[in-house]
Structures are given as C-alpha cells and as structure tokens.
mmCIF file of all heavy atoms, coordinates in Angstrom:
data_MODEL
# 
_entry.id   MODEL 
# 
loop_
_atom_site.group_PDB 
_atom_site.id 
_atom_site.type_symbol 
_atom_site.label_atom_id 
_atom_site.label_alt_id 
_atom_site.label_comp_id 
_atom_site.label_asym_id 
_atom_site.label_entity_id 
_atom_site.label_seq_id 
_atom_site.pdbx_PDB_ins_code 
_atom_site.Cartn_x 
_atom_site.Cartn_y 
_atom_site.Cartn_z 
_atom_site.occupancy 
_atom_site.B_iso_or_equiv 
_atom_site.pdbx_formal_charge 
_atom_site.auth_seq_id 
_atom_site.auth_comp_id 
_atom_site.auth_asym_id 
_atom_site.auth_atom_id 
_atom_site.pdbx_PDB_model_num 
ATOM 1   N N   . GLN A 1 1  ? -25.003 65.683 29.494 1.00 0.00 ? 1  GLN A N   1 
ATOM 2   C CA  . GLN A 1 1  ? -26.207 65.248 28.786 1.00 0.00 ? 1  GLN A CA  1 
ATOM 3   C C   . GLN A 1 1  ? -27.418 65.154 29.710 1.00 0.00 ? 1  GLN A C   1 
ATOM 4   O O   . GLN A 1 1  ? -28.544 65.155 29.257 1.00 0.00 ? 1  GLN A O   1 
ATOM 5   C CB  . GLN A 1 1  ? -25.954 63.913 28.093 1.00 0.00 ? 1  GLN A CB  1 
ATOM 6   C CG  . GLN A 1 1  ? -25.213 62.862 28.929 1.00 0.00 ? 1  GLN A CG  1 
ATOM 7   C CD  . GLN A 1 1  ? -25.998 62.219 30.028 1.00 0.00 ? 1  GLN A CD  1 
ATOM 8   O OE1 . GLN A 1 1  ? -27.189 62.012 29.896 1.00 0.00 ? 1  GLN A OE1 1 
ATOM 9   N NE2 . GLN A 1 1  ? -25.344 61.905 31.125 1.00 0.00 ? 1  GLN A NE2 1 
ATOM 10  N N   . SER A 1 2  ? -27.201 65.121 31.004 1.00 0.00 ? 2  SER A N   1 
ATOM 11  C CA  . SER A 1 2  ? -28.292 65.021 31.976 1.00 0.00 ? 2  SER A CA  1 
ATOM 12  C C   . SER A 1 2  ? -28.867 66.384 32.370 1.00 0.00 ? 2  SER A C   1 
ATOM 13  O O   . SER A 1 2  ? -29.838 66.452 33.119 1.00 0.00 ? 2  SER A O   1 
ATOM 14  C CB  . SER A 1 2  ? -27.794 64.297 33.226 1.00 0.00 ? 2  SER A CB  1 
ATOM 15  O OG  . SER A 1 2  ? -26.660 64.985 33.752 1.00 0.00 ? 2  SER A OG  1 
ATOM 16  N N   . SER A 1 3  ? -28.308 67.470 31.848 1.00 0.00 ? 3  SER A N   1 
ATOM 17  C CA  . SER A 1 3  ? -28.745 68.821 32.201 1.00 0.00 ? 3  SER A CA  1 
ATOM 18  C C   . SER A 1 3  ? -30.184 69.087 31.742 1.00 0.00 ? 3  SER A C   1 
ATOM 19  O O   . SER A 1 3  ? -30.635 68.560 30.726 1.00 0.00 ? 3  SER A O   1 
ATOM 20  C CB  . SER A 1 3  ? -27.811 69.852 31.549 1.00 0.00 ? 3  SER A CB  1 
ATOM 21  O OG  . SER A 1 3  ? -28.358 71.149 31.644 1.00 0.00 ? 3  SER A OG  1 
ATOM 22  N N   . SER A 1 4  ? -30.863 69.958 32.470 1.00 0.00 ? 4  SER A N   1 
ATOM 23  C CA  . SER A 1 4  ? -32.227 70.352 32.085 1.00 0.00 ? 4  SER A CA  1 
ATOM 24  C C   . SER A 1 4  ? -32.239 71.195 30.812 1.00 0.00 ? 4  SER A C   1 
ATOM 25  O O   . SER A 1 4  ? -33.299 71.427 30.237 1.00 0.00 ? 4  SER A O   1 
ATOM 26  C CB  . SER A 1 4  ? -32.901 71.123 33.229 1.00 0.00 ? 4  SER A CB  1 
ATOM 27  O OG  . SER A 1 4  ? -32.183 72.326 33.475 1.00 0.00 ? 4  SER A OG  1 
ATOM 28  N N   . THR A 1 5  ? -31.077 71.635 30.346 1.00 0.00 ? 5  THR A N   1 
ATOM 29  C CA  . THR A 1 5  ? -30.997 72.398 29.094 1.00 0.00 ? 5  THR A CA  1 
ATOM 30  C C   . THR A 1 5  ? -30.976 71.484 27.868 1.00 0.00 ? 5  THR A C   1 
ATOM 31  O O   . THR A 1 5  ? -30.928 71.957 26.745 1.00 0.00 ? 5  THR A O   1 
ATOM 32  C CB  . THR A 1 5  ? -29.760 73.308 29.062 1.00 0.00 ? 5  THR A CB  1 
ATOM 33  O OG1 . THR A 1 5  ? -28.580 72.511 29.194 1.00 0.00 ? 5  THR A OG1 1 
ATOM 34  C CG2 . THR A 1 5  ? -29.810 74.346 30.179 1.00 0.00 ? 5  THR A CG2 1 
ATOM 35  N N   . VAL A 1 6  ? -31.005 70.167 28.100 1.00 0.00 ? 6  VAL A N   1 
ATOM 36  C CA  . VAL A 1 6  ? -31.074 69.185 27.016 1.00 0.00 ? 6  VAL A CA  1 
ATOM 37  C C   . VAL A 1 6  ? -32.421 68.475 27.093 1.00 0.00 ? 6  VAL A C   1 
ATOM 38  O O   . VAL A 1 6  ? -32.765 67.897 28.129 1.00 0.00 ? 6  VAL A O   1 
ATOM 39  C CB  . VAL A 1 6  ? -29.934 68.149 27.110 1.00 0.00 ? 6  VAL A CB  1 
ATOM 40  C CG1 . VAL A 1 6  ? -29.960 67.227 25.899 1.00 0.00 ? 6  VAL A CG1 1 
ATOM 41  C CG2 . VAL A 1 6  ? -28.572 68.828 27.250 1.00 0.00 ? 6  VAL A CG2 1 
ATOM 42  N N   . ARG A 1 7  ? -33.201 68.559 26.012 1.00 0.00 ? 7  ARG A N   1 
ATOM 43  C CA  . ARG A 1 7  ? -34.509 67.898 25.931 1.00 0.00 ? 7  ARG A CA  1 
ATOM 44  C C   . ARG A 1 7  ? -34.411 66.729 24.960 1.00 0.00 ? 7  ARG A C   1 
ATOM 45  O O   . ARG A 1 7  ? -33.830 66.856 23.884 1.00 0.00 ? 7  ARG A O   1 
ATOM 46  C CB  . ARG A 1 7  ? -35.582 68.872 25.450 1.00 0.00 ? 7  ARG A CB  1 
ATOM 47  C CG  . ARG A 1 7  ? -35.895 69.986 26.428 1.00 0.00 ? 7  ARG A CG  1 
ATOM 48  C CD  . ARG A 1 7  ? -37.060 70.877 25.964 1.00 0.00 ? 7  ARG A CD  1 
ATOM 49  N NE  . ARG A 1 7  ? -37.313 70.912 24.537 1.00 0.00 ? 7  ARG A NE  1 
ATOM 50  C CZ  . ARG A 1 7  ? -36.749 71.765 23.668 1.00 0.00 ? 7  ARG A CZ  1 
ATOM 51  N NH1 . ARG A 1 7  ? -35.896 72.666 24.084 1.00 0.00 ? 7  ARG A NH1 1 
ATOM 52  N NH2 . ARG A 1 7  ? -37.067 71.732 22.389 1.00 0.00 ? 7  ARG A NH2 1 
ATOM 53  N N   . TYR A 1 8  ? -35.005 65.613 25.351 1.00 0.00 ? 8  TYR A N   1 
ATOM 54  C CA  . TYR A 1 8  ? -34.960 64.404 24.535 1.00 0.00 ? 8  TYR A CA  1 
ATOM 55  C C   . TYR A 1 8  ? -36.356 64.076 24.018 1.00 0.00 ? 8  TYR A C   1 
ATOM 56  O O   . TYR A 1 8  ? -37.332 64.212 24.737 1.00 0.00 ? 8  TYR A O   1 
ATOM 57  C CB  . TYR A 1 8  ? -34.420 63.225 25.349 1.00 0.00 ? 8  TYR A CB  1 
ATOM 58  C CG  . TYR A 1 8  ? -32.975 63.428 25.745 1.00 0.00 ? 8  TYR A CG  1 
ATOM 59  C CD1 . TYR A 1 8  ? -32.635 64.021 26.955 1.00 0.00 ? 8  TYR A CD1 1 
ATOM 60  C CD2 . TYR A 1 8  ? -31.952 63.039 24.895 1.00 0.00 ? 8  TYR A CD2 1 
ATOM 61  C CE1 . TYR A 1 8  ? -31.314 64.222 27.311 1.00 0.00 ? 8  TYR A CE1 1 
ATOM 62  C CE2 . TYR A 1 8  ? -30.619 63.239 25.239 1.00 0.00 ? 8  TYR A CE2 1 
ATOM 63  C CZ  . TYR A 1 8  ? -30.313 63.825 26.446 1.00 0.00 ? 8  TYR A CZ  1 
ATOM 64  O OH  . TYR A 1 8  ? -29.003 64.035 26.789 1.00 0.00 ? 8  TYR A OH  1 
ATOM 65  N N   . ALA A 1 9  ? -36.420 63.630 22.780 1.00 0.00 ? 9  ALA A N   1 
ATOM 66  C CA  . ALA A 1 9  ? -37.673 63.157 22.180 1.00 0.00 ? 9  ALA A CA  1 
ATOM 67  C C   . ALA A 1 9  ? -37.388 61.792 21.559 1.00 0.00 ? 9  ALA A C   1 
ATOM 68  O O   . ALA A 1 9  ? -36.316 61.574 20.986 1.00 0.00 ? 9  ALA A O   1 
ATOM 69  C CB  . ALA A 1 9  ? -38.165 64.136 21.118 1.00 0.00 ? 9  ALA A CB  1 
ATOM 70  N N   . GLY A 1 10 ? -38.325 60.884 21.685 1.00 0.00 ? 10 GLY A N   1 
ATOM 71  C CA  . GLY A 1 10 ? -38.111 59.534 21.188 1.00 0.00 ? 10 GLY A CA  1 
ATOM 72  C C   . GLY A 1 10 ? -37.451 58.687 22.257 1.00 0.00 ? 10 GLY A C   1 
ATOM 73  O O   . GLY A 1 10 ? -37.416 59.044 23.433 1.00 0.00 ? 10 GLY A O   1 
ATOM 74  N N   . SER A 1 11 ? -36.909 57.560 21.852 1.00 0.00 ? 11 SER A N   1 
ATOM 75  C CA  . SER A 1 11 ? -36.359 56.573 22.777 1.00 0.00 ? 11 SER A CA  1 
ATOM 76  C C   . SER A 1 11 ? -34.871 56.810 23.042 1.00 0.00 ? 11 SER A C   1 
ATOM 77  O O   . SER A 1 11 ? -34.043 56.692 22.132 1.00 0.00 ? 11 SER A O   1 
ATOM 78  C CB  . SER A 1 11 ? -36.571 55.175 22.193 1.00 0.00 ? 11 SER A CB  1 
ATOM 79  O OG  . SER A 1 11 ? -36.048 54.209 23.055 1.00 0.00 ? 11 SER A OG  1 
ATOM 80  N N   . TRP A 1 12 ? -34.530 57.128 24.299 1.00 0.00 ? 12 TRP A N   1 
ATOM 81  C CA  . TRP A 1 12 ? -33.143 57.336 24.741 1.00 0.00 ? 12 TRP A CA  1 
ATOM 82  C C   . TRP A 1 12 ? -32.923 56.544 26.024 1.00 0.00 ? 12 TRP A C   1 
ATOM 83  O O   . TRP A 1 12 ? -33.815 56.441 26.861 1.00 0.00 ? 12 TRP A O   1 
ATOM 84  C CB  . TRP A 1 12 ? -32.863 58.813 25.016 1.00 0.00 ? 12 TRP A CB  1 
ATOM 85  C CG  . TRP A 1 12 ? -32.807 59.632 23.777 1.00 0.00 ? 12 TRP A CG  1 
ATOM 86  C CD1 . TRP A 1 12 ? -33.865 60.226 23.145 1.00 0.00 ? 12 TRP A CD1 1 
ATOM 87  C CD2 . TRP A 1 12 ? -31.660 59.930 22.993 1.00 0.00 ? 12 TRP A CD2 1 
ATOM 88  N NE1 . TRP A 1 12 ? -33.433 60.883 22.020 1.00 0.00 ? 12 TRP A NE1 1 
ATOM 89  C CE2 . TRP A 1 12 ? -32.078 60.715 21.899 1.00 0.00 ? 12 TRP A CE2 1 
ATOM 90  C CE3 . TRP A 1 12 ? -30.307 59.616 23.107 1.00 0.00 ? 12 TRP A CE3 1 
ATOM 91  C CZ2 . TRP A 1 12 ? -31.197 61.197 20.928 1.00 0.00 ? 12 TRP A CZ2 1 
ATOM 92  C CZ3 . TRP A 1 12 ? -29.428 60.095 22.147 1.00 0.00 ? 12 TRP A CZ3 1 
ATOM 93  C CH2 . TRP A 1 12 ? -29.873 60.872 21.072 1.00 0.00 ? 12 TRP A CH2 1 
ATOM 94  N N   . VAL A 1 13 ? -31.718 56.014 26.196 1.00 0.00 ? 13 VAL A N   1 
ATOM 95  C CA  . VAL A 1 13 ? -31.355 55.242 27.375 1.00 0.00 ? 13 VAL A CA  1 
ATOM 96  C C   . VAL A 1 13 ? -30.219 55.965 28.086 1.00 0.00 ? 13 VAL A C   1 
ATOM 97  O O   . VAL A 1 13 ? -29.224 56.325 27.459 1.00 0.00 ? 13 VAL A O   1 
ATOM 98  C CB  . VAL A 1 13 ? -30.906 53.814 26.981 1.00 0.00 ? 13 VAL A CB  1 
ATOM 99  C CG1 . VAL A 1 13 ? -30.446 53.036 28.204 1.00 0.00 ? 13 VAL A CG1 1 
ATOM 100 C CG2 . VAL A 1 13 ? -32.017 53.082 26.245 1.00 0.00 ? 13 VAL A CG2 1 
ATOM 101 N N   . ALA A 1 14 ? -30.367 56.172 29.398 1.00 0.00 ? 14 ALA A N   1 
ATOM 102 C CA  . ALA A 1 14 ? -29.302 56.764 30.213 1.00 0.00 ? 14 ALA A CA  1 
ATOM 103 C C   . ALA A 1 14 ? -28.532 55.635 30.877 1.00 0.00 ? 14 ALA A C   1 
ATOM 104 O O   . ALA A 1 14 ? -29.145 54.747 31.492 1.00 0.00 ? 14 ALA A O   1 
ATOM 105 C CB  . ALA A 1 14 ? -29.902 57.693 31.268 1.00 0.00 ? 14 ALA A CB  1 
ATOM 106 N N   . ILE A 1 15 ? -27.196 55.650 30.724 1.00 0.00 ? 15 ILE A N   1 
ATOM 107 C CA  . ILE A 1 15 ? -26.373 54.601 31.328 1.00 0.00 ? 15 ILE A CA  1 
ATOM 108 C C   . ILE A 1 15 ? -25.103 55.201 31.916 1.00 0.00 ? 15 ILE A C   1 
ATOM 109 O O   . ILE A 1 15 ? -24.612 56.229 31.448 1.00 0.00 ? 15 ILE A O   1 
ATOM 110 C CB  . ILE A 1 15 ? -25.983 53.496 30.306 1.00 0.00 ? 15 ILE A CB  1 
ATOM 111 C CG1 . ILE A 1 15 ? -25.161 54.077 29.150 1.00 0.00 ? 15 ILE A CG1 1 
ATOM 112 C CG2 . ILE A 1 15 ? -27.187 52.745 29.815 1.00 0.00 ? 15 ILE A CG2 1 
ATOM 113 C CD1 . ILE A 1 15 ? -24.487 53.036 28.287 1.00 0.00 ? 15 ILE A CD1 1 
ATOM 114 N N   . GLY A 1 16 ? -24.576 54.545 32.931 1.00 0.00 ? 16 GLY A N   1 
ATOM 115 C CA  . GLY A 1 16 ? -23.274 54.905 33.457 1.00 0.00 ? 16 GLY A CA  1 
ATOM 116 C C   . GLY A 1 16 ? -22.201 54.404 32.504 1.00 0.00 ? 16 GLY A C   1 
ATOM 117 O O   . GLY A 1 16 ? -22.351 53.343 31.899 1.00 0.00 ? 16 GLY A O   1 
ATOM 118 N N   . ASN A 1 17 ? -21.128 55.181 32.370 1.00 0.00 ? 17 ASN A N   1 
ATOM 119 C CA  . ASN A 1 17 ? -20.034 54.787 31.481 1.00 0.00 ? 17 ASN A CA  1 
ATOM 120 C C   . ASN A 1 17 ? -18.763 55.461 31.988 1.00 0.00 ? 17 ASN A C   1 
ATOM 121 O O   . ASN A 1 17 ? -18.687 56.686 32.033 1.00 0.00 ? 17 ASN A O   1 
ATOM 122 C CB  . ASN A 1 17 ? -20.340 55.196 30.042 1.00 0.00 ? 17 ASN A CB  1 
ATOM 123 C CG  . ASN A 1 17 ? -19.302 54.711 29.067 1.00 0.00 ? 17 ASN A CG  1 
ATOM 124 O OD1 . ASN A 1 17 ? -18.125 55.017 29.194 1.00 0.00 ? 17 ASN A OD1 1 
ATOM 125 N ND2 . ASN A 1 17 ? -19.752 53.962 28.067 1.00 0.00 ? 17 ASN A ND2 1 
ATOM 126 N N   . ALA A 1 18 ? -17.774 54.666 32.358 1.00 0.00 ? 18 ALA A N   1 
ATOM 127 C CA  . ALA A 1 18 ? -16.538 55.201 32.920 1.00 0.00 ? 18 ALA A CA  1 
ATOM 128 C C   . ALA A 1 18 ? -15.776 56.082 31.946 1.00 0.00 ? 18 ALA A C   1 
ATOM 129 O O   . ALA A 1 18 ? -14.989 56.927 32.362 1.00 0.00 ? 18 ALA A O   1 
ATOM 130 C CB  . ALA A 1 18 ? -15.641 54.052 33.382 1.00 0.00 ? 18 ALA A CB  1 
ATOM 131 N N   . TYR A 1 19 ? -15.998 55.920 30.644 1.00 0.00 ? 19 TYR A N   1 
ATOM 132 C CA  . TYR A 1 19 ? -15.289 56.724 29.639 1.00 0.00 ? 19 TYR A CA  1 
ATOM 133 C C   . TYR A 1 19 ? -16.001 58.043 29.330 1.00 0.00 ? 19 TYR A C   1 
ATOM 134 O O   . TYR A 1 19 ? -15.442 58.910 28.683 1.00 0.00 ? 19 TYR A O   1 
ATOM 135 C CB  . TYR A 1 19 ? -15.113 55.932 28.339 1.00 0.00 ? 19 TYR A CB  1 
ATOM 136 C CG  . TYR A 1 19 ? -14.264 54.708 28.499 1.00 0.00 ? 19 TYR A CG  1 
ATOM 137 C CD1 . TYR A 1 19 ? -14.835 53.449 28.540 1.00 0.00 ? 19 TYR A CD1 1 
ATOM 138 C CD2 . TYR A 1 19 ? -12.884 54.824 28.637 1.00 0.00 ? 19 TYR A CD2 1 
ATOM 139 C CE1 . TYR A 1 19 ? -14.050 52.319 28.691 1.00 0.00 ? 19 TYR A CE1 1 
ATOM 140 C CE2 . TYR A 1 19 ? -12.087 53.699 28.783 1.00 0.00 ? 19 TYR A CE2 1 
ATOM 141 C CZ  . TYR A 1 19 ? -12.687 52.447 28.813 1.00 0.00 ? 19 TYR A CZ  1 
ATOM 142 O OH  . TYR A 1 19 ? -11.902 51.342 28.964 1.00 0.00 ? 19 TYR A OH  1 
ATOM 143 N N   . ALA A 1 20 ? -17.238 58.196 29.783 1.00 0.00 ? 20 ALA A N   1 
ATOM 144 C CA  . ALA A 1 20 ? -18.014 59.405 29.509 1.00 0.00 ? 20 ALA A CA  1 
ATOM 145 C C   . ALA A 1 20 ? -17.507 60.561 30.360 1.00 0.00 ? 20 ALA A C   1 
ATOM 146 O O   . ALA A 1 20 ? -16.980 60.370 31.461 1.00 0.00 ? 20 ALA A O   1 
ATOM 147 C CB  . ALA A 1 20 ? -19.496 59.167 29.781 1.00 0.00 ? 20 ALA A CB  1 
ATOM 148 N N   . SER A 1 21 ? -17.704 61.767 29.880 1.00 0.00 ? 21 SER A N   1 
ATOM 149 C CA  . SER A 1 21 ? -17.139 62.943 30.543 1.00 0.00 ? 21 SER A CA  1 
ATOM 150 C C   . SER A 1 21 ? -17.636 63.099 31.972 1.00 0.00 ? 21 SER A C   1 
ATOM 151 O O   . SER A 1 21 ? -16.872 63.456 32.846 1.00 0.00 ? 21 SER A O   1 
ATOM 152 C CB  . SER A 1 21 ? -17.397 64.197 29.699 1.00 0.00 ? 21 SER A CB  1 
ATOM 153 O OG  . SER A 1 21 ? -18.401 64.988 30.196 1.00 0.00 ? 21 SER A OG  1 
ATOM 154 N N   . GLY A 1 22 ? -18.884 62.821 32.245 1.00 0.00 ? 22 GLY A N   1 
ATOM 155 C CA  . GLY A 1 22 ? -19.419 62.943 33.599 1.00 0.00 ? 22 GLY A CA  1 
ATOM 156 C C   . GLY A 1 22 ? -19.751 61.605 34.227 1.00 0.00 ? 22 GLY A C   1 
ATOM 157 O O   . GLY A 1 22 ? -20.465 61.545 35.223 1.00 0.00 ? 22 GLY A O   1 
ATOM 158 N N   . GLY A 1 23 ? -19.271 60.518 33.622 1.00 0.00 ? 23 GLY A N   1 
ATOM 159 C CA  . GLY A 1 23 ? -19.543 59.193 34.162 1.00 0.00 ? 23 GLY A CA  1 
ATOM 160 C C   . GLY A 1 23 ? -20.828 58.562 33.663 1.00 0.00 ? 23 GLY A C   1 
ATOM 161 O O   . GLY A 1 23 ? -21.170 57.453 34.075 1.00 0.00 ? 23 GLY A O   1 
ATOM 162 N N   . SER A 1 24 ? -21.554 59.267 32.791 1.00 0.00 ? 24 SER A N   1 
ATOM 163 C CA  . SER A 1 24 ? -22.769 58.704 32.201 1.00 0.00 ? 24 SER A CA  1 
ATOM 164 C C   . SER A 1 24 ? -23.008 59.346 30.843 1.00 0.00 ? 24 SER A C   1 
ATOM 165 O O   . SER A 1 24 ? -22.407 60.367 30.498 1.00 0.00 ? 24 SER A O   1 
ATOM 166 C CB  . SER A 1 24 ? -23.983 58.936 33.113 1.00 0.00 ? 24 SER A CB  1 
ATOM 167 O OG  . SER A 1 24 ? -24.288 60.314 33.184 1.00 0.00 ? 24 SER A OG  1 
ATOM 168 N N   . LEU A 1 25 ? -23.902 58.719 30.075 1.00 0.00 ? 25 LEU A N   1 
ATOM 169 C CA  . LEU A 1 25 ? -24.281 59.258 28.767 1.00 0.00 ? 25 LEU A CA  1 
ATOM 170 C C   . LEU A 1 25 ? -25.690 58.803 28.453 1.00 0.00 ? 25 LEU A C   1 
ATOM 171 O O   . LEU A 1 25 ? -26.279 58.022 29.185 1.00 0.00 ? 25 LEU A O   1 
ATOM 172 C CB  . LEU A 1 25 ? -23.292 58.817 27.679 1.00 0.00 ? 25 LEU A CB  1 
ATOM 173 C CG  . LEU A 1 25 ? -23.106 57.320 27.443 1.00 0.00 ? 25 LEU A CG  1 
ATOM 174 C CD1 . LEU A 1 25 ? -24.164 56.728 26.530 1.00 0.00 ? 25 LEU A CD1 1 
ATOM 175 C CD2 . LEU A 1 25 ? -21.739 57.091 26.826 1.00 0.00 ? 25 LEU A CD2 1 
ATOM 176 N N   . ARG A 1 26 ? -26.215 59.314 27.358 1.00 0.00 ? 26 ARG A N   1 
ATOM 177 C CA  . ARG A 1 26 ? -27.491 58.830 26.828 1.00 0.00 ? 26 ARG A CA  1 
ATOM 178 C C   . ARG A 1 26 ? -27.245 58.367 25.411 1.00 0.00 ? 26 ARG A C   1 
ATOM 179 O O   . ARG A 1 26 ? -26.452 58.955 24.683 1.00 0.00 ? 26 ARG A O   1 
ATOM 180 C CB  . ARG A 1 26 ? -28.553 59.923 26.840 1.00 0.00 ? 26 ARG A CB  1 
ATOM 181 C CG  . ARG A 1 26 ? -29.004 60.225 28.236 1.00 0.00 ? 26 ARG A CG  1 
ATOM 182 C CD  . ARG A 1 26 ? -30.337 60.895 28.259 1.00 0.00 ? 26 ARG A CD  1 
ATOM 183 N NE  . ARG A 1 26 ? -30.552 61.368 29.620 1.00 0.00 ? 26 ARG A NE  1 
ATOM 184 C CZ  . ARG A 1 26 ? -31.657 61.918 30.037 1.00 0.00 ? 26 ARG A CZ  1 
ATOM 185 N NH1 . ARG A 1 26 ? -32.650 62.096 29.208 1.00 0.00 ? 26 ARG A NH1 1 
ATOM 186 N NH2 . ARG A 1 26 ? -31.779 62.300 31.287 1.00 0.00 ? 26 ARG A NH2 1 
ATOM 187 N N   . TYR A 1 27 ? -27.961 57.296 25.042 1.00 0.00 ? 27 TYR A N   1 
ATOM 188 C CA  . TYR A 1 27 ? -27.836 56.831 23.666 1.00 0.00 ? 27 TYR A CA  1 
ATOM 189 C C   . TYR A 1 27 ? -29.200 56.432 23.129 1.00 0.00 ? 27 TYR A C   1 
ATOM 190 O O   . TYR A 1 27 ? -30.129 56.142 23.881 1.00 0.00 ? 27 TYR A O   1 
ATOM 191 C CB  . TYR A 1 27 ? -26.840 55.671 23.548 1.00 0.00 ? 27 TYR A CB  1 
ATOM 192 C CG  . TYR A 1 27 ? -27.356 54.338 24.053 1.00 0.00 ? 27 TYR A CG  1 
ATOM 193 C CD1 . TYR A 1 27 ? -28.053 53.470 23.203 1.00 0.00 ? 27 TYR A CD1 1 
ATOM 194 C CD2 . TYR A 1 27 ? -27.137 53.943 25.366 1.00 0.00 ? 27 TYR A CD2 1 
ATOM 195 C CE1 . TYR A 1 27 ? -28.524 52.255 23.666 1.00 0.00 ? 27 TYR A CE1 1 
ATOM 196 C CE2 . TYR A 1 27 ? -27.605 52.730 25.831 1.00 0.00 ? 27 TYR A CE2 1 
ATOM 197 C CZ  . TYR A 1 27 ? -28.289 51.885 24.980 1.00 0.00 ? 27 TYR A CZ  1 
ATOM 198 O OH  . TYR A 1 27 ? -28.764 50.687 25.435 1.00 0.00 ? 27 TYR A OH  1 
# 
C-alpha cells in the first residue's frame, strides 16, 4: 500500500501492523 503506484485522496492514516502483509497498512 506504500508503493508509488497507489495514490490516495482524502484522509488516510499509515500505521504499522504486525498482521499486515508488509508490516504496515493504510486506513
């Protein structure tokens, strides 16, 4: 989800998460 091929619009929060595929996610 942190790749430059993903663009976000509006309010998103990036957090670390041990269960996420790369150790982090956005919500």
